[in-house]
Every structure is written in structure tokens, then in C-alpha cells.
C-alpha atoms as a PDB file:
ATOM      1  CA  MET A   1      -7.486   3.558 -14.414  1.00  0.00           C
ATOM      2  CA  VAL A   2      -7.291   4.200 -10.918  1.00  0.00           C
ATOM      3  CA  THR A   3      -5.522   1.187  -8.994  1.00  0.00           C
ATOM      4  CA  THR A   4      -6.336   1.470  -5.009  1.00  0.00           C
ATOM      5  CA  ILE A   5      -3.978   1.186  -2.684  1.00  0.00           C
ATOM      6  CA  ASP A   6      -4.881  -1.711   0.467  1.00  0.00           C
ATOM      7  CA  THR A   7      -4.230  -0.314   3.889  1.00  0.00           C
ATOM      8  CA  ARG A   8      -5.724  -1.703   5.783  1.00  0.00           C
ATOM      9  CA  PRO A   9      -4.775  -2.383   8.879  1.00  0.00           C
ATOM     10  CA  VAL A  10      -4.010  -6.521  10.625  1.00  0.00           C
ATOM     11  CA  ASN A  11      -7.126  -7.269  13.266  1.00  0.00           C
ATOM     12  CA  ASN A  12      -4.347  -6.861  16.374  1.00  0.00           C
ATOM     13  CA  ALA A  13      -7.277  -6.307  18.675  1.00  0.00           C
ATOM     14  CA  ILE A  14      -8.557 -10.150  18.855  1.00  0.00           C
ATOM     15  CA  TYR A  15      -5.953 -11.621  20.410  1.00  0.00           C
ATOM     16  CA  ASP A  16      -6.990  -9.088  23.978  1.00  0.00           C
ATOM     17  CA  THR A  17     -11.001 -11.560  23.032  1.00  0.00           C
ATOM     18  CA  LEU A  18      -9.500 -15.091  23.322  1.00  0.00           C
ATOM     19  CA  GLY A  19      -9.502 -15.553  26.701  1.00  0.00           C
ATOM     20  CA  GLU A  20      -8.570 -19.368  27.571  1.00  0.00           C
ATOM     21  CA  ARG A  21      -9.973 -20.345  24.110  1.00  0.00           C
ATOM     22  CA  TRP A  22      -6.068 -19.822  23.080  1.00  0.00           C
ATOM     23  CA  TYR A  23      -5.535 -23.932  24.670  1.00  0.00           C
ATOM     24  CA  SER A  24      -9.070 -24.462  24.410  1.00  0.00           C
ATOM     25  CA  ALA A  25     -10.937 -23.612  20.798  1.00  0.00           C
ATOM     26  CA  ASP A  26     -10.576 -25.996  17.727  1.00  0.00           C
ATOM     27  CA  ASP A  27     -13.226 -24.005  15.940  1.00  0.00           C
ATOM     28  CA  ASP A  28     -10.313 -20.789  15.333  1.00  0.00           C
ATOM     29  CA  PRO A  29      -7.441 -20.061  13.880  1.00  0.00           C
ATOM     30  CA  VAL A  30      -5.234 -19.937  17.262  1.00  0.00           C
ATOM     31  CA  ALA A  31      -5.458 -23.810  16.945  1.00  0.00           C
ATOM     32  CA  LEU A  32      -3.986 -23.793  13.147  1.00  0.00           C
ATOM     33  CA  LEU A  33      -1.288 -21.078  15.854  1.00  0.00           C
ATOM     34  CA  ARG A  34      -1.375 -24.389  18.259  1.00  0.00           C
ATOM     35  CA  ALA A  35      -0.754 -27.512  15.145  1.00  0.00           C
ATOM     36  CA  GLU A  36       2.168 -25.141  14.120  1.00  0.00           C
ATOM     37  CA  SER A  37       3.708 -24.511  17.647  1.00  0.00           C
ATOM     38  CA  ARG A  38       4.001 -28.202  18.258  1.00  0.00           C
ATOM     39  CA  LEU A  39       6.767 -28.554  15.183  1.00  0.00           C
ATOM     40  CA  ARG A  40       8.478 -24.898  15.908  1.00  0.00           C
ATOM     41  CA  ASN A  41       8.735 -25.099  19.705  1.00  0.00           C
ATOM     42  CA  PRO A  42      10.857 -28.643  19.074  1.00  0.00           C
ATOM     43  CA  TRP A  43      12.969 -27.016  16.874  1.00  0.00           C
ATOM     44  CA  VAL A  44      13.788 -23.919  18.291  1.00  0.00           C
ATOM     45  CA  ALA A  45      14.386 -26.093  21.815  1.00  0.00           C
ATOM     46  CA  ALA A  46      16.501 -28.304  20.436  1.00  0.00           C
ATOM     47  CA  ARG A  47      18.868 -25.387  18.432  1.00  0.00           C
ATOM     48  CA  VAL A  48      18.991 -23.536  21.988  1.00  0.00           C
ATOM     49  CA  ALA A  49      20.471 -26.920  22.822  1.00  0.00           C
ATOM     50  CA  THR A  50      23.286 -27.738  20.580  1.00  0.00           C
ATOM     51  CA  THR A  51      24.341 -23.800  19.601  1.00  0.00           C
ATOM     52  CA  ILE A  52      23.563 -22.208  23.150  1.00  0.00           C
ATOM     53  CA  GLY A  53      23.495 -24.694  25.747  1.00  0.00           C
ATOM     54  CA  ALA A  54      21.341 -25.055  28.701  1.00  0.00           C
ATOM     55  CA  GLU A  55      19.276 -22.131  31.120  1.00  0.00           C
ATOM     56  CA  ALA A  56      19.076 -19.907  27.593  1.00  0.00           C
ATOM     57  CA  ARG A  57      18.104 -16.200  28.381  1.00  0.00           C
ATOM     58  CA  VAL A  58      15.915 -16.894  25.828  1.00  0.00           C
ATOM     59  CA  LEU A  59      13.173 -13.488  24.695  1.00  0.00           C
ATOM     60  CA  ASP A  60       9.727 -14.151  22.980  1.00  0.00           C
ATOM     61  CA  VAL A  61       8.094 -11.291  20.937  1.00  0.00           C
ATOM     62  CA  GLY A  62       4.678 -11.653  20.431  1.00  0.00           C
ATOM     63  CA  CYS A  63       4.300 -14.435  23.144  1.00  0.00           C
ATOM     64  CA  GLY A  64       0.522 -14.278  22.671  1.00  0.00           C
ATOM     65  CA  GLY A  65      -0.442 -16.489  24.397  1.00  0.00           C
ATOM     66  CA  GLY A  66       2.441 -18.569  25.921  1.00  0.00           C
ATOM     67  CA  PHE A  67       3.028 -21.438  23.870  1.00  0.00           C
ATOM     68  CA  LEU A  68       6.262 -21.110  22.712  1.00  0.00           C
ATOM     69  CA  ALA A  69       7.601 -19.397  25.585  1.00  0.00           C
ATOM     70  CA  ASN A  70       5.980 -21.861  27.919  1.00  0.00           C
ATOM     71  CA  ALA A  71       7.911 -24.939  26.309  1.00  0.00           C
ATOM     72  CA  LEU A  72      11.009 -23.479  26.553  1.00  0.00           C
ATOM     73  CA  ALA A  73      10.710 -23.498  29.929  1.00  0.00           C
ATOM     74  CA  ARG A  74      10.102 -26.063  30.597  1.00  0.00           C
ATOM     75  CA  GLU A  75      13.267 -27.568  29.007  1.00  0.00           C
ATOM     76  CA  GLY A  76      15.140 -24.870  31.937  1.00  0.00           C
ATOM     77  CA  HIS A  77      15.591 -21.538  30.074  1.00  0.00           C
ATOM     78  CA  LEU A  78      15.501 -18.038  30.947  1.00  0.00           C
ATOM     79  CA  VAL A  79      12.276 -16.938  29.472  1.00  0.00           C
ATOM     80  CA  THR A  80      11.190 -13.595  29.141  1.00  0.00           C
ATOM     81  CA  GLY A  81       8.576 -13.080  26.617  1.00  0.00           C
ATOM     82  CA  ILE A  82       6.710  -9.413  25.348  1.00  0.00           C
ATOM     83  CA  ASP A  83       3.038  -8.771  23.816  1.00  0.00           C
ATOM     84  CA  ALA A  84       0.425  -5.744  23.961  1.00  0.00           C
ATOM     85  CA  SER A  85      -3.092  -7.599  24.692  1.00  0.00           C
ATOM     86  CA  ALA A  86      -2.623  -7.765  28.178  1.00  0.00           C
ATOM     87  CA  GLU A  87      -5.105 -10.899  28.092  1.00  0.00           C
ATOM     88  CA  SER A  88      -3.430 -13.328  26.493  1.00  0.00           C
ATOM     89  CA  LEU A  89      -0.249 -12.100  28.216  1.00  0.00           C
ATOM     90  CA  ALA A  90      -2.520 -13.078  31.500  1.00  0.00           C
ATOM     91  CA  VAL A  91      -4.115 -16.219  29.339  1.00  0.00           C
ATOM     92  CA  ALA A  92       0.697 -17.329  28.905  1.00  0.00           C
ATOM     93  CA  ALA A  93       0.889 -16.848  33.203  1.00  0.00           C
ATOM     94  CA  ARG A  94      -1.923 -19.124  34.067  1.00  0.00           C
ATOM     95  CA  HIS A  95      -0.451 -22.272  32.059  1.00  0.00           C
ATOM     96  CA  ASP A  96       3.103 -21.832  33.093  1.00  0.00           C
ATOM     97  CA  ALA A  97       3.700 -24.721  34.937  1.00  0.00           C
ATOM     98  CA  THR A  98       7.233 -23.409  35.295  1.00  0.00           C
ATOM     99  CA  GLY A  99       5.786 -20.922  37.231  1.00  0.00           C
ATOM    100  CA  ASN A 100       9.160 -19.168  36.196  1.00  0.00           C
ATOM    101  CA  VAL A 101       8.435 -16.896  32.717  1.00  0.00           C
ATOM    102  CA  ARG A 102       8.487 -13.541  33.627  1.00  0.00           C
ATOM    103  CA  TYR A 103       5.755 -12.226  31.011  1.00  0.00           C
ATOM    104  CA  ASP A 104       5.917  -8.044  30.418  1.00  0.00           C
ATOM    105  CA  LEU A 105       3.924  -5.877  28.657  1.00  0.00           C
ATOM    106  CA  GLY A 106       5.290  -3.767  26.459  1.00  0.00           C
ATOM    107  CA  ASP A 107       6.442  -2.618  22.998  1.00  0.00           C
ATOM    108  CA  ALA A 108       8.512  -5.350  20.356  1.00  0.00           C
ATOM    109  CA  LEU A 109      10.154  -1.358  17.835  1.00  0.00           C
ATOM    110  CA  ALA A 110      10.696  -0.170  20.986  1.00  0.00           C
ATOM    111  CA  LEU A 111      12.704  -2.944  23.506  1.00  0.00           C
ATOM    112  CA  ALA A 112      12.315  -2.293  27.564  1.00  0.00           C
ATOM    113  CA  TYR A 113      15.601  -4.741  27.828  1.00  0.00           C
ATOM    114  CA  ASP A 114      19.689  -3.885  27.435  1.00  0.00           C
ATOM    115  CA  THR A 115      21.182  -4.391  25.164  1.00  0.00           C
ATOM    116  CA  ALA A 116      22.860  -7.941  24.668  1.00  0.00           C
ATOM    117  CA  SER A 117      20.529  -8.859  27.708  1.00  0.00           C
ATOM    118  CA  PHE A 118      19.857 -12.109  25.446  1.00  0.00           C
ATOM    119  CA  ASP A 119      20.805 -15.540  24.160  1.00  0.00           C
ATOM    120  CA  VAL A 120      18.119 -16.083  21.781  1.00  0.00           C
ATOM    121  CA  VAL A 121      15.335 -13.710  20.632  1.00  0.00           C
ATOM    122  CA  CYS A 122      12.144 -15.276  18.812  1.00  0.00           C
ATOM    123  CA  ALA A 123       8.915 -13.940  16.864  1.00  0.00           C
ATOM    124  CA  MET A 124       7.525 -16.006  15.291  1.00  0.00           C
ATOM    125  CA  ASP A 125       3.767 -15.441  13.169  1.00  0.00           C
ATOM    126  CA  PHE A 126       4.372 -11.925  14.756  1.00  0.00           C
ATOM    127  CA  LEU A 127       6.075  -9.927  12.144  1.00  0.00           C
ATOM    128  CA  GLU A 128       3.410 -10.270  10.203  1.00  0.00           C
ATOM    129  CA  HIS A 129       0.922  -8.140  12.649  1.00  0.00           C
ATOM    130  CA  VAL A 130       3.026  -5.179  12.532  1.00  0.00           C
ATOM    131  CA  GLU A 131       4.443  -2.015  10.064  1.00  0.00           C
ATOM    132  CA  ASP A 132       7.791  -1.783  10.708  1.00  0.00           C
ATOM    133  CA  PRO A 133       9.413  -4.752  10.332  1.00  0.00           C
ATOM    134  CA  ALA A 134      12.467  -3.940  10.120  1.00  0.00           C
ATOM    135  CA  ARG A 135      12.682  -2.106  13.709  1.00  0.00           C
ATOM    136  CA  VAL A 136      10.962  -5.105  15.535  1.00  0.00           C
ATOM    137  CA  VAL A 137      14.644  -7.026  13.553  1.00  0.00           C
ATOM    138  CA  GLU A 138      16.855  -4.231  14.709  1.00  0.00           C
ATOM    139  CA  GLU A 139      15.059  -4.216  18.389  1.00  0.00           C
ATOM    140  CA  ALA A 140      16.127  -8.005  18.249  1.00  0.00           C
ATOM    141  CA  SER A 141      19.709  -8.043  17.240  1.00  0.00           C
ATOM    142  CA  ARG A 142      20.122  -4.850  19.797  1.00  0.00           C
ATOM    143  CA  VAL A 143      19.363  -6.655  23.168  1.00  0.00           C
ATOM    144  CA  LEU A 144      20.535 -10.662  21.356  1.00  0.00           C
ATOM    145  CA  ARG A 145      24.288 -10.605  23.335  1.00  0.00           C
ATOM    146  CA  PRO A 146      27.268 -11.299  19.579  1.00  0.00           C
ATOM    147  CA  GLY A 147      27.025 -15.559  19.190  1.00  0.00           C
ATOM    148  CA  GLY A 148      22.615 -15.129  20.186  1.00  0.00           C
ATOM    149  CA  LEU A 149      20.044 -16.127  18.058  1.00  0.00           C
ATOM    150  CA  PHE A 150      16.949 -14.842  16.567  1.00  0.00           C
ATOM    151  CA  PHE A 151      14.211 -17.138  15.603  1.00  0.00           C
ATOM    152  CA  PHE A 152      12.074 -15.904  12.984  1.00  0.00           C
ATOM    153  CA  HIS A 153       8.587 -17.288  11.126  1.00  0.00           C
ATOM    154  CA  THR A 154       6.198 -15.652   9.069  1.00  0.00           C
ATOM    155  CA  PHE A 155       4.293 -15.215   5.756  1.00  0.00           C
ATOM    156  CA  ASN A 156       5.684 -14.308   1.990  1.00  0.00           C
ATOM    157  CA  ARG A 157       3.244 -12.367   0.583  1.00  0.00           C
ATOM    158  CA  ASN A 158       2.328 -13.096  -3.203  1.00  0.00           C
ATOM    159  CA  ALA A 159      -0.830 -13.908  -4.711  1.00  0.00           C
ATOM    160  CA  LEU A 160      -0.735 -17.855  -3.730  1.00  0.00           C
ATOM    161  CA  ALA A 161       0.079 -16.909   0.107  1.00  0.00           C
ATOM    162  CA  TRP A 162      -2.651 -14.831  -0.304  1.00  0.00           C
ATOM    163  CA  LEU A 163      -4.913 -17.622  -1.228  1.00  0.00           C
ATOM    164  CA  VAL A 164      -4.169 -20.272   1.067  1.00  0.00           C
ATOM    165  CA  VAL A 165      -3.117 -18.320   5.155  1.00  0.00           C
ATOM    166  CA  ILE A 166      -5.423 -15.334   4.477  1.00  0.00           C
ATOM    167  CA  LYS A 167      -8.862 -16.797   1.927  1.00  0.00           C
ATOM    168  CA  GLY A 168      -8.366 -20.487   2.807  1.00  0.00           C
ATOM    169  CA  VAL A 169      -8.667 -20.313   6.568  1.00  0.00           C
ATOM    170  CA  GLU A 170     -11.577 -17.161   5.758  1.00  0.00           C
ATOM    171  CA  TRP A 171     -12.992 -19.967   3.916  1.00  0.00           C
ATOM    172  CA  PHE A 172     -12.138 -23.725   6.089  1.00  0.00           C
ATOM    173  CA  VAL A 173     -11.551 -22.776  10.254  1.00  0.00           C
ATOM    174  CA  LYS A 174     -14.597 -21.696  11.815  1.00  0.00           C
ATOM    175  CA  ASN A 175     -14.728 -18.016  13.413  1.00  0.00           C
ATOM    176  CA  THR A 176     -12.382 -16.743  11.169  1.00  0.00           C
ATOM    177  CA  PRO A 177     -12.225 -12.731  12.162  1.00  0.00           C
ATOM    178  CA  SER A 178     -11.889 -10.428   9.198  1.00  0.00           C
ATOM    179  CA  ASP A 179      -8.297  -9.059   8.217  1.00  0.00           C
ATOM    180  CA  MET A 180      -6.328 -11.602  11.554  1.00  0.00           C
ATOM    181  CA  HIS A 181      -3.925 -11.403   8.642  1.00  0.00           C
ATOM    182  CA  VAL A 182      -3.670  -8.651   5.872  1.00  0.00           C
ATOM    183  CA  LEU A 183      -1.237  -9.422   2.708  1.00  0.00           C
ATOM    184  CA  ARG A 184      -0.016  -6.212   2.594  1.00  0.00           C
ATOM    185  CA  LEU A 185       1.872  -7.161   5.656  1.00  0.00           C
ATOM    186  CA  PHE A 186       3.283 -10.683   4.285  1.00  0.00           C
ATOM    187  CA  VAL A 187       7.709 -10.534   4.563  1.00  0.00           C
ATOM    188  CA  LYS A 188       9.169 -11.770   1.484  1.00  0.00           C
ATOM    189  CA  PRO A 189      11.901 -13.972   2.142  1.00  0.00           C
ATOM    190  CA  ALA A 190      14.638 -10.994   0.325  1.00  0.00           C
ATOM    191  CA  GLU A 191      13.837  -8.612   2.394  1.00  0.00           C
ATOM    192  CA  LEU A 192      14.253 -10.348   6.032  1.00  0.00           C
ATOM    193  CA  ARG A 193      17.375 -11.949   4.829  1.00  0.00           C
ATOM    194  CA  ALA A 194      18.044  -7.750   4.096  1.00  0.00           C
ATOM    195  CA  MET A 195      16.975  -6.343   7.579  1.00  0.00           C
ATOM    196  CA  CYS A 196      18.931  -9.919   9.605  1.00  0.00           C
ATOM    197  CA  HIS A 197      22.725  -8.359   7.238  1.00  0.00           C
ATOM    198  CA  ARG A 198      20.921  -4.482   8.469  1.00  0.00           C
ATOM    199  CA  SER A 199      20.547  -5.459  11.675  1.00  0.00           C
ATOM    200  CA  GLY A 200      23.983  -6.901  12.222  1.00  0.00           C
ATOM    201  CA  LEU A 201      22.368 -10.562  11.726  1.00  0.00           C
ATOM    202  CA  GLU A 202      23.641 -13.555  10.593  1.00  0.00           C
ATOM    203  CA  VAL A 203      20.746 -16.077   7.700  1.00  0.00           C
ATOM    204  CA  CYS A 204      21.829 -19.609   9.250  1.00  0.00           C
ATOM    205  CA  GLU A 205      19.270 -21.523   9.001  1.00  0.00           C
ATOM    206  CA  PHE A 206      15.635 -21.666   6.100  1.00  0.00           C
ATOM    207  CA  HIS A 207      13.018 -23.216   5.697  1.00  0.00           C
ATOM    208  CA  GLY A 208       9.293 -23.619   4.288  1.00  0.00           C
ATOM    209  CA  SER A 209       6.629 -24.872   6.575  1.00  0.00           C
ATOM    210  CA  ALA A 210       2.991 -25.694   5.966  1.00  0.00           C
ATOM    211  CA  PRO A 211       0.392 -28.115   6.576  1.00  0.00           C
ATOM    212  CA  ALA A 212       0.557 -32.401   5.628  1.00  0.00           C
ATOM    213  CA  VAL A 213      -2.061 -31.923   3.436  1.00  0.00           C
ATOM    214  CA  PHE A 214      -1.864 -35.175   2.694  1.00  0.00           C
ATOM    215  CA  SER A 215      -3.249 -36.003   6.214  1.00  0.00           C
ATOM    216  CA  ARG A 216      -6.329 -37.720   7.080  1.00  0.00           C
ATOM    217  CA  ALA A 217      -6.782 -34.731   9.441  1.00  0.00           C
ATOM    218  CA  PHE A 218      -6.577 -31.604   6.702  1.00  0.00           C
ATOM    219  CA  TRP A 219      -8.703 -33.369   4.889  1.00  0.00           C
ATOM    220  CA  THR A 220     -10.856 -33.229   8.095  1.00  0.00           C
ATOM    221  CA  MET A 221     -10.103 -29.571   8.622  1.00  0.00           C
ATOM    222  CA  LEU A 222     -11.516 -28.992   4.979  1.00  0.00           C
ATOM    223  CA  ALA A 223     -14.452 -30.968   5.525  1.00  0.00           C
ATOM    224  CA  THR A 224     -15.278 -29.516   8.561  1.00  0.00           C
ATOM    225  CA  ARG A 225     -13.979 -26.334   8.832  1.00  0.00           C
ATOM    226  CA  SER A 226     -12.562 -27.577  11.983  1.00  0.00           C
ATOM    227  CA  VAL A 227      -8.492 -27.623  13.822  1.00  0.00           C
ATOM    228  CA  PRO A 228      -8.887 -32.109  14.133  1.00  0.00           C
ATOM    229  CA  PRO A 229      -5.937 -31.923  17.494  1.00  0.00           C
ATOM    230  CA  ASP A 230      -3.484 -34.095  15.018  1.00  0.00           C
ATOM    231  CA  LEU A 231      -3.237 -31.845  12.779  1.00  0.00           C
ATOM    232  CA  ARG A 232       0.036 -31.831  11.968  1.00  0.00           C
ATOM    233  CA  PHE A 233       2.494 -28.402  10.431  1.00  0.00           C
ATOM    234  CA  GLU A 234       5.610 -30.052   8.498  1.00  0.00           C
ATOM    235  CA  PHE A 235       8.758 -28.221   7.315  1.00  0.00           C
ATOM    236  CA  THR A 236       9.318 -28.059   3.525  1.00  0.00           C
ATOM    237  CA  ARG A 237      12.537 -26.801   0.704  1.00  0.00           C
ATOM    238  CA  SER A 238       9.682 -24.396  -0.485  1.00  0.00           C
ATOM    239  CA  PRO A 239       9.489 -21.036   1.219  1.00  0.00           C
ATOM    240  CA  LEU A 240       6.525 -20.107  -1.140  1.00  0.00           C
ATOM    241  CA  ILE A 241       3.771 -19.698   1.676  1.00  0.00           C
ATOM    242  CA  ALA A 242       5.171 -19.700   5.025  1.00  0.00           C
ATOM    243  CA  TYR A 243       9.080 -20.105   6.115  1.00  0.00           C
ATOM    244  CA  THR A 244      10.595 -20.388   9.550  1.00  0.00           C
ATOM    245  CA  GLY A 245      14.725 -20.120  10.209  1.00  0.00           C
ATOM    246  CA  PHE A 246      17.592 -18.736  12.726  1.00  0.00           C
ATOM    247  CA  ALA A 247      20.355 -15.641  11.689  1.00  0.00           C
ATOM    248  CA  ARG A 248      22.751 -15.304  14.469  1.00  0.00           C
ATOM    249  CA  ARG A 249      23.863 -12.291  15.637  1.00  0.00           C
ATOM    250  CA  LEU A 250      27.716 -11.366  14.400  1.00  0.00           C
END
């Protein structure tokens, strides 16, 4: 019996095509990212405020359309967003109400910033989009000052995550492109904890996350294949599908 190994690359080119759909589309998986950000952005902001304080130097790696970067800038932090998609960066800059976010085109595997130059580094919905997530974590740690925070969100690698995150989105959200996610790039929690440990990061907080499945908005999405503006995500005890957390630079 011959076993076929899935070597398909993830389809990161889709982010060059979204334009203003980053902020307006409901019939597209990007609306799920907006819904997730409504949970995560206040949580990140609260942790930064209590642990780092005001005017933190923040690097948002894989910032996309700027959901998190722009939110943290509105809180008064000094934010830099980096992404490989120039088109996404242009959208993010247009939606920066403060006009203060620095948006850079760059490579998360080789960050063009000095060692220990940030108080906070974020990699939200990003580690599952690269072939070498350990290198991303290593670079994040390098540019963090001692005591700085590394925030992460990604997907667990197992059959249920494949069913929900990949097949479920294909079935229940319109305009889902092929290979938006590929299972082989999902990261098991133990793997991410090991990456953090090897890079001098101590995991401090860790949550599962999932859509609020008992809400009317969730069932509306299943029926219409569009994402309602009131769809909510929530933190859970189990990281079986997706998980969010932060680590501190030792």
C-alpha cells in the first residue's frame, strides 16, 4: 500500500485579491477573521495594558488587512504591521484611523528589525500559513525585549480541525478558495509550546477558541452561507480545533 503525502502549498495569494472585501464582505471567509478579531483584539489590548502598559512598541506579523494593528493603534500603542501582501497592507493603511501605524512589506522568517526592539509581537492566524513556523517564533523572540509578550493564534492539526476549519468553511461560507488552509501546516499545541521553549519564550496563557455554536448568528451562517455581522467567537477550555495565547520573553 502506497501512502500519498500531501505537499500542497497553502494558498496565500488570495490575500492579494480581497481589496476592500477585507472590511465589507460577508460572503467570504474573511468575515470569519473579522468575527474572530472582535474576540481577540480586546483580549490582546487588555493583556498588553496590564503587563506592558501604555505606548507599547508592537509588531503585528502577518497583519493582513490591519484588524489587530489598527485596533492596538487606537489604544495608543506604537504599532508596526508587516505582511508579504502589498495589497493587504494598502487596505490596512486606509483603515488606520490614527494614521500612525507603520506598515512594512517584509518576510516573517527574516524580520528586518533590531534585536529586542519591540515590547509585543503578534502572530494571529499566521503560523498555519508558513512552511517554517518555528522560524517565525524564533524571529519573534529575537526582536522582543526581555519580558516582552508574544501573542499567537493558530489551528490544531487533527481530523476534527480538518472537518471544521477546512471542510466546514468550504461547505458553509460562500467564495471559499481552494487551499485557503492545508492540514499539514496546522500546529499542535505541544509543538508550539516546544517552539516557544526553544526560543526563550514561556507560555503564560492558553485558550481554545471556537464560534458560539448555540447562537442564532451561527445557524444563520449555516443556512445562508454568509457570515452575519453578529457572529461571535468565544474562548473555550479545549484547544482541539483552534487556540490562542501568549508567551513571555525570558
